[in-house]
Amino acid sequence: MTVSPPVAAAKQPRRSLRRFRSSRGRESWAGLAMMAPAGILLLLFLIVPVLLAFTLSFTNARLISPNPPRFVGLDNFFRAFTADPVFLQSALNTFLFALVVVPVQAGLGLLLAILVNQRLRGTTFFRVVFFIPVVTSIVVVSILWRFMYQSDGLINSMIDTVTFGALKGADWLNDPSTALGAIIVLSIWQAVGFHMIIWLAGLQTIPEELYEAARMDGASRWHQFAHVTWPGLRPTMVFVLVTITIAALGLFVQVDVMTQGGPLNSTSTVVYHAVRKGYEQQEIGYAAAISLLFFVAVLIIALIQRWLTREKN
């Protein structure tokens, strides 16, 4: 049969549209196939645990128990604030830890980044030296520092040598007044190299022409930092503060390796307390409630921090 010219012209767009739909369909399926592994992992290791923790937090579930879990409403949350002094102590310790670590680690990282950003011989060596603790396992670092903090360890030997015996070091990890401070010092030392690298990357994105213009206008080094460097580091600053805050609030490994929350719960943190309740004491429902409170607290602090560091214009 012979197809007339008007009919052939009408079928041509349909074929093109069908071909286009088929091409888009293949691309969509290919995209879904590539997303599937990551999506499955996120579903299994993020979404499902979060939903499970949210559900368990309203029950009295135990890790190993012949009795089925029972719905208890908000009892776990009331218990955390009214009948669990260790949780309140842990929350206070976590807050103090973050209050010290966040500004000190961010400021020290910025100072080191400025120093190693100079065009001097040997800066690459110092960049490597400062970054070595970051690539070392935090478990190994914690074990080494636990030995250094002993009564006859390296820290006390250095104090004794420098002061010619006038001062005696403390039993750092077994004294409630010094244990948390000792962990703070270790944590700052271990992670400052990572944030130094982030600050350094931010510094190297600032155009050199801005510094040249500032020098031509007679700006001092402080004015160059205040009016060129710091405004150029604002996005980096937000990232560094948020990451340090989240890491500080999630303190766990150092406490678990060095003090196990002691002495007298002076180093217990919210995450450590939740793990201890959930796995050592098998109160998985109560531990899920603590984890949910911790999640809400971190979310609120991160949002407040993001609002305080927002662009004003």
Protein backbone atom coordinates (compact mmCIF):
# COMPACT_ATOMS: atom_id res chain seq x y z
CA MET A 1 0.00 0.00 0.00
CA THR A 2 1.26 3.43 -0.84
CA VAL A 3 1.34 6.06 1.96
CA SER A 4 0.26 9.49 0.89
CA PRO A 5 2.61 12.43 1.73
CA PRO A 6 0.27 14.09 4.35
CA VAL A 7 -0.10 10.81 6.30
CA ALA A 8 3.67 10.21 6.31
CA ALA A 9 4.25 13.74 7.58
CA ALA A 10 1.78 13.14 10.46
CA LYS A 11 3.48 9.88 11.54
CA GLN A 12 6.96 11.40 11.60
CA PRO A 13 6.49 13.43 14.88
CA ARG A 14 4.98 10.37 16.59
CA ARG A 15 8.02 8.27 15.75
CA SER A 16 10.33 11.02 17.00
CA LEU A 17 8.35 11.35 20.25
CA ARG A 18 8.38 7.59 20.77
CA ARG A 19 12.12 7.51 20.18
CA PHE A 20 12.58 10.41 22.64
CA ARG A 21 10.48 8.67 25.32
CA SER A 22 12.37 5.47 24.84
CA SER A 23 15.69 7.27 25.19
CA ARG A 24 14.56 9.07 28.34
CA GLY A 25 13.25 5.81 29.72
CA ARG A 26 16.57 4.11 29.21
CA GLU A 27 18.39 6.97 30.85
CA SER A 28 16.00 6.89 33.81
CA TRP A 29 16.49 3.17 34.32
CA ALA A 30 20.25 3.57 34.01
CA GLY A 31 20.17 6.37 36.58
CA LEU A 32 18.07 4.30 38.98
CA ALA A 33 20.42 1.35 38.57
CA MET A 34 23.42 3.51 39.43
CA MET A 35 21.64 5.01 42.44
CA ALA A 36 20.41 1.67 43.73
CA PRO A 37 23.58 0.54 45.64
CA ALA A 38 23.89 3.84 47.50
CA GLY A 39 20.13 3.97 48.08
CA ILE A 40 20.04 0.45 49.51
CA LEU A 41 22.97 1.19 51.83
CA LEU A 42 21.35 4.42 53.04
CA LEU A 43 18.09 2.57 53.61
CA LEU A 44 19.73 -0.27 55.56
CA PHE A 45 22.26 1.69 57.61
CA LEU A 46 20.61 5.09 58.04
CA ILE A 47 16.86 5.20 57.54
CA VAL A 48 16.01 1.82 59.08
CA PRO A 49 18.18 2.35 62.22
CA VAL A 50 16.73 5.83 62.73
CA LEU A 51 13.17 4.55 62.45
CA LEU A 52 14.01 1.59 64.71
CA ALA A 53 15.58 3.85 67.34
CA PHE A 54 12.58 6.19 67.19
CA THR A 55 10.23 3.25 67.74
CA LEU A 56 12.29 1.64 70.51
CA SER A 57 12.57 4.91 72.42
CA PHE A 58 8.89 4.62 73.36
CA THR A 59 9.23 1.07 74.68
CA ASN A 60 10.92 -0.75 77.56
CA ALA A 61 12.74 -3.09 75.16
CA ARG A 62 15.81 -4.90 76.44
CA LEU A 63 18.57 -6.28 74.26
CA ILE A 64 18.10 -9.86 75.47
CA SER A 65 14.85 -10.59 77.23
CA PRO A 66 12.17 -13.30 77.05
CA ASN A 67 9.47 -10.66 77.54
CA PRO A 68 8.18 -8.73 74.52
CA PRO A 69 8.73 -4.94 74.48
CA ARG A 70 5.95 -2.87 76.02
CA PHE A 71 4.90 0.64 74.99
CA VAL A 72 5.78 3.09 77.81
CA GLY A 73 5.09 6.41 76.11
CA LEU A 74 7.41 9.22 77.21
CA ASP A 75 8.64 7.47 80.37
CA ASN A 76 12.16 7.01 78.98
CA PHE A 77 12.47 10.72 78.22
CA PHE A 78 11.16 11.74 81.68
CA ARG A 79 13.52 9.23 83.27
CA ALA A 80 16.53 10.82 81.54
CA PHE A 81 15.83 14.23 83.06
CA THR A 82 14.38 13.25 86.44
CA ALA A 83 15.79 9.89 87.54
CA ASP A 84 19.16 9.50 85.83
CA PRO A 85 21.86 11.79 87.28
CA VAL A 86 24.50 10.13 85.12
CA PHE A 87 22.68 11.33 81.99
CA LEU A 88 22.63 14.90 83.29
CA GLN A 89 26.32 14.66 84.22
CA SER A 90 27.07 13.24 80.77
CA ALA A 91 25.16 16.06 79.06
CA LEU A 92 27.09 18.63 81.11
CA ASN A 93 30.43 16.97 80.29
CA THR A 94 29.55 16.88 76.60
CA PHE A 95 28.57 20.55 76.63
CA LEU A 96 31.79 21.56 78.43
CA PHE A 97 33.87 19.49 76.04
CA ALA A 98 32.28 21.13 72.98
CA LEU A 99 32.46 24.60 74.58
CA VAL A 100 36.25 24.32 74.90
CA VAL A 101 37.14 22.20 71.88
CA VAL A 102 35.19 24.08 69.20
CA PRO A 103 36.78 27.56 69.56
CA VAL A 104 40.25 26.31 70.55
CA GLN A 105 40.53 23.72 67.80
CA ALA A 106 39.15 26.09 65.15
CA GLY A 107 41.42 28.95 66.24
CA LEU A 108 44.51 26.78 66.52
CA GLY A 109 43.81 25.22 63.13
CA LEU A 110 43.50 28.68 61.57
CA LEU A 111 46.76 29.82 63.18
CA LEU A 112 48.62 26.76 61.89
CA ALA A 113 47.10 27.21 58.43
CA ILE A 114 48.30 30.82 58.28
CA LEU A 115 51.79 29.74 59.37
CA VAL A 116 52.13 26.91 56.84
CA ASN A 117 50.65 29.09 54.08
CA GLN A 118 53.77 31.25 54.07
CA ARG A 119 56.16 30.97 51.15
CA LEU A 120 59.03 29.68 53.23
CA ARG A 121 61.25 26.66 52.94
CA GLY A 122 60.08 23.70 55.01
CA THR A 123 56.35 24.49 55.17
CA THR A 124 55.50 21.19 53.45
CA PHE A 125 57.33 19.32 56.21
CA PHE A 126 55.29 21.06 58.90
CA ARG A 127 52.04 20.41 57.01
CA VAL A 128 52.85 16.70 57.07
CA VAL A 129 53.86 16.77 60.74
CA PHE A 130 50.64 18.51 61.80
CA PHE A 131 48.53 16.12 59.73
CA ILE A 132 50.09 12.87 60.98
CA PRO A 133 47.83 12.57 64.09
CA VAL A 134 44.76 12.82 61.84
CA VAL A 135 45.68 9.73 59.83
CA THR A 136 46.58 7.80 62.98
CA SER A 137 43.83 5.68 64.50
CA ILE A 138 42.11 7.49 67.36
CA VAL A 139 42.20 4.21 69.32
CA VAL A 140 45.98 4.00 68.99
CA VAL A 141 46.35 7.68 69.87
CA SER A 142 44.15 7.25 72.94
CA ILE A 143 46.18 4.26 74.17
CA LEU A 144 49.45 6.15 73.73
CA TRP A 145 48.16 9.21 75.55
CA ARG A 146 46.80 7.01 78.35
CA PHE A 147 50.36 5.85 78.98
CA MET A 148 51.64 9.42 78.75
CA TYR A 149 49.09 10.57 81.35
CA GLN A 150 50.11 7.97 83.95
CA SER A 151 51.65 9.15 87.23
CA ASP A 152 55.09 8.08 86.01
CA GLY A 153 54.36 8.89 82.37
CA LEU A 154 55.91 11.30 79.91
CA ILE A 155 53.72 14.29 80.82
CA ASN A 156 54.66 14.24 84.50
CA SER A 157 58.31 13.59 83.65
CA MET A 158 58.34 16.69 81.43
CA ILE A 159 56.72 18.79 84.17
CA ASP A 160 59.23 17.53 86.68
CA THR A 161 62.16 18.25 84.33
CA VAL A 162 61.04 21.71 83.23
CA THR A 163 60.28 22.92 86.77
CA PHE A 164 63.38 21.20 88.27
CA GLY A 165 61.14 19.21 90.61
CA ALA A 166 59.24 22.25 91.94
CA LEU A 167 55.92 20.99 90.53
CA LYS A 168 54.53 17.48 90.62
CA GLY A 169 52.17 16.27 87.92
CA ALA A 170 48.72 14.93 88.70
CA ASP A 171 47.28 11.50 88.17
CA TRP A 172 45.53 12.99 85.16
CA LEU A 173 43.02 10.30 84.21
CA ASN A 174 42.22 9.11 87.75
CA ASP A 175 41.45 12.55 89.18
CA PRO A 176 37.88 13.82 88.52
CA SER A 177 39.13 17.41 88.33
CA THR A 178 41.68 16.72 85.55
CA ALA A 179 40.33 13.74 83.59
CA LEU A 180 38.04 15.67 81.24
CA GLY A 181 40.70 18.34 80.66
CA ALA A 182 43.20 15.65 79.74
CA ILE A 183 40.82 14.24 77.14
CA ILE A 184 40.17 17.75 75.80
CA VAL A 185 43.90 18.33 75.23
CA LEU A 186 44.27 15.00 73.45
CA SER A 187 41.23 15.63 71.24
CA ILE A 188 42.39 19.09 70.20
CA TRP A 189 45.87 17.81 69.36
CA GLN A 190 44.57 14.84 67.38
CA ALA A 191 42.13 16.69 65.07
CA VAL A 192 43.67 20.14 64.69
CA GLY A 193 45.67 19.02 61.62
CA PHE A 194 42.50 18.15 59.73
CA HIS A 195 40.99 21.58 60.29
CA MET A 196 44.32 23.18 59.45
CA ILE A 197 44.03 21.60 56.00
CA ILE A 198 40.48 22.92 55.59
CA TRP A 199 41.52 26.43 56.62
CA LEU A 200 44.55 26.19 54.31
CA ALA A 201 42.32 25.30 51.37
CA GLY A 202 40.17 28.33 52.17
CA LEU A 203 43.21 30.61 52.41
CA GLN A 204 44.47 29.54 49.02
CA THR A 205 41.19 30.50 47.35
CA ILE A 206 41.62 34.17 48.29
CA PRO A 207 43.06 36.07 45.29
CA GLU A 208 46.56 37.47 45.82
CA GLU A 209 45.48 40.67 44.06
CA LEU A 210 43.37 41.62 47.09
CA TYR A 211 46.44 41.48 49.34
CA GLU A 212 48.46 43.50 46.84
CA ALA A 213 45.75 46.17 46.73
CA ALA A 214 45.60 46.23 50.53
CA ARG A 215 49.39 46.62 50.78
CA MET A 216 49.33 49.45 48.22
CA ASP A 217 46.76 51.19 50.44
CA GLY A 218 49.12 50.86 53.38
CA ALA A 219 47.13 48.20 55.27
CA SER A 220 48.98 46.50 58.10
CA ARG A 221 49.06 42.72 58.48
CA TRP A 222 46.22 42.85 60.99
CA HIS A 223 44.08 44.98 58.67
CA GLN A 224 44.83 42.61 55.79
CA PHE A 225 43.62 39.73 57.96
CA ALA A 226 40.53 41.57 59.22
CA HIS A 227 39.40 42.99 55.88
CA VAL A 228 40.68 40.48 53.32
CA THR A 229 41.45 37.12 54.90
CA TRP A 230 38.59 36.76 57.37
CA PRO A 231 35.77 37.80 54.98
CA GLY A 232 37.21 35.43 52.39
CA LEU A 233 37.17 32.58 54.92
CA ARG A 234 33.51 32.90 55.91
CA PRO A 235 32.26 29.77 54.02
CA THR A 236 35.24 27.81 55.36
CA MET A 237 34.54 29.05 58.87
CA VAL A 238 30.96 27.80 58.75
CA PHE A 239 32.07 24.36 57.57
CA VAL A 240 34.83 24.09 60.18
CA LEU A 241 32.61 25.16 63.08
CA VAL A 242 29.78 22.80 62.13
CA THR A 243 32.08 19.79 61.67
CA ILE A 244 33.99 20.43 64.91
CA THR A 245 30.76 20.87 66.84
CA ILE A 246 29.22 17.65 65.58
CA ALA A 247 32.45 15.73 66.23
CA ALA A 248 32.80 17.22 69.72
CA LEU A 249 29.23 16.38 70.69
CA GLY A 250 29.75 12.80 69.49
CA LEU A 251 32.77 12.18 71.74
CA PHE A 252 33.04 8.46 72.47
CA VAL A 253 36.27 6.65 71.53
CA GLN A 254 38.65 8.62 73.75
CA VAL A 255 36.37 8.11 76.75
CA ASP A 256 35.85 4.44 76.06
CA VAL A 257 39.58 3.72 75.67
CA MET A 258 41.04 6.00 78.35
CA THR A 259 38.58 6.30 81.26
CA GLN A 260 35.37 4.30 80.59
CA GLY A 261 33.43 7.33 81.78
CA GLY A 262 35.27 7.60 85.11
CA PRO A 263 36.38 8.61 87.57
CA LEU A 264 32.97 9.26 89.19
CA ASN A 265 31.39 9.83 85.75
CA SER A 266 33.52 12.94 85.27
CA THR A 267 34.28 11.99 81.65
CA SER A 268 31.05 10.26 80.70
CA THR A 269 29.39 11.74 77.62
CA VAL A 270 25.91 11.41 76.14
CA VAL A 271 27.01 9.00 73.42
CA TYR A 272 29.07 6.93 75.84
CA HIS A 273 26.18 6.79 78.31
CA ALA A 274 23.78 5.68 75.56
CA VAL A 275 26.14 2.90 74.45
CA ARG A 276 26.69 1.78 78.04
CA LYS A 277 22.96 1.68 78.72
CA GLY A 278 22.14 -0.08 75.47
CA TYR A 279 24.83 -2.74 75.33
CA GLU A 280 26.33 -3.18 78.80
CA GLN A 281 23.07 -2.84 80.73
CA GLN A 282 20.89 -4.02 77.79
CA GLU A 283 18.30 -1.25 78.21
CA ILE A 284 18.02 -0.72 74.49
CA GLY A 285 14.72 1.20 74.72
CA TYR A 286 16.16 3.73 77.16
CA ALA A 287 19.38 3.98 75.13
CA ALA A 288 17.29 4.72 72.02
CA ALA A 289 15.55 7.54 73.91
CA ILE A 290 18.94 9.04 74.89
CA SER A 291 20.07 8.79 71.26
CA LEU A 292 16.93 10.56 70.10
CA LEU A 293 17.49 13.37 72.63
CA PHE A 294 21.08 13.62 71.45
CA PHE A 295 19.96 13.86 67.81
CA VAL A 296 17.53 16.67 68.60
CA ALA A 297 20.17 18.55 70.63
CA VAL A 298 22.76 18.30 67.83
CA LEU A 299 20.19 19.42 65.26
CA ILE A 300 19.20 22.47 67.33
CA ILE A 301 22.82 23.47 68.01
CA ALA A 302 23.76 23.08 64.34
CA LEU A 303 20.79 25.21 63.24
CA ILE A 304 21.61 27.91 65.80
CA GLN A 305 25.24 27.88 64.73
CA ARG A 306 24.24 28.10 61.07
CA TRP A 307 21.94 31.04 61.83
CA LEU A 308 24.63 32.89 63.81
CA THR A 309 27.17 32.48 61.00
CA ARG A 310 24.80 33.30 58.14
CA GLU A 311 25.52 35.94 55.54
CA LYS A 312 24.08 39.22 56.84
CA ASN A 313 23.64 40.75 53.36
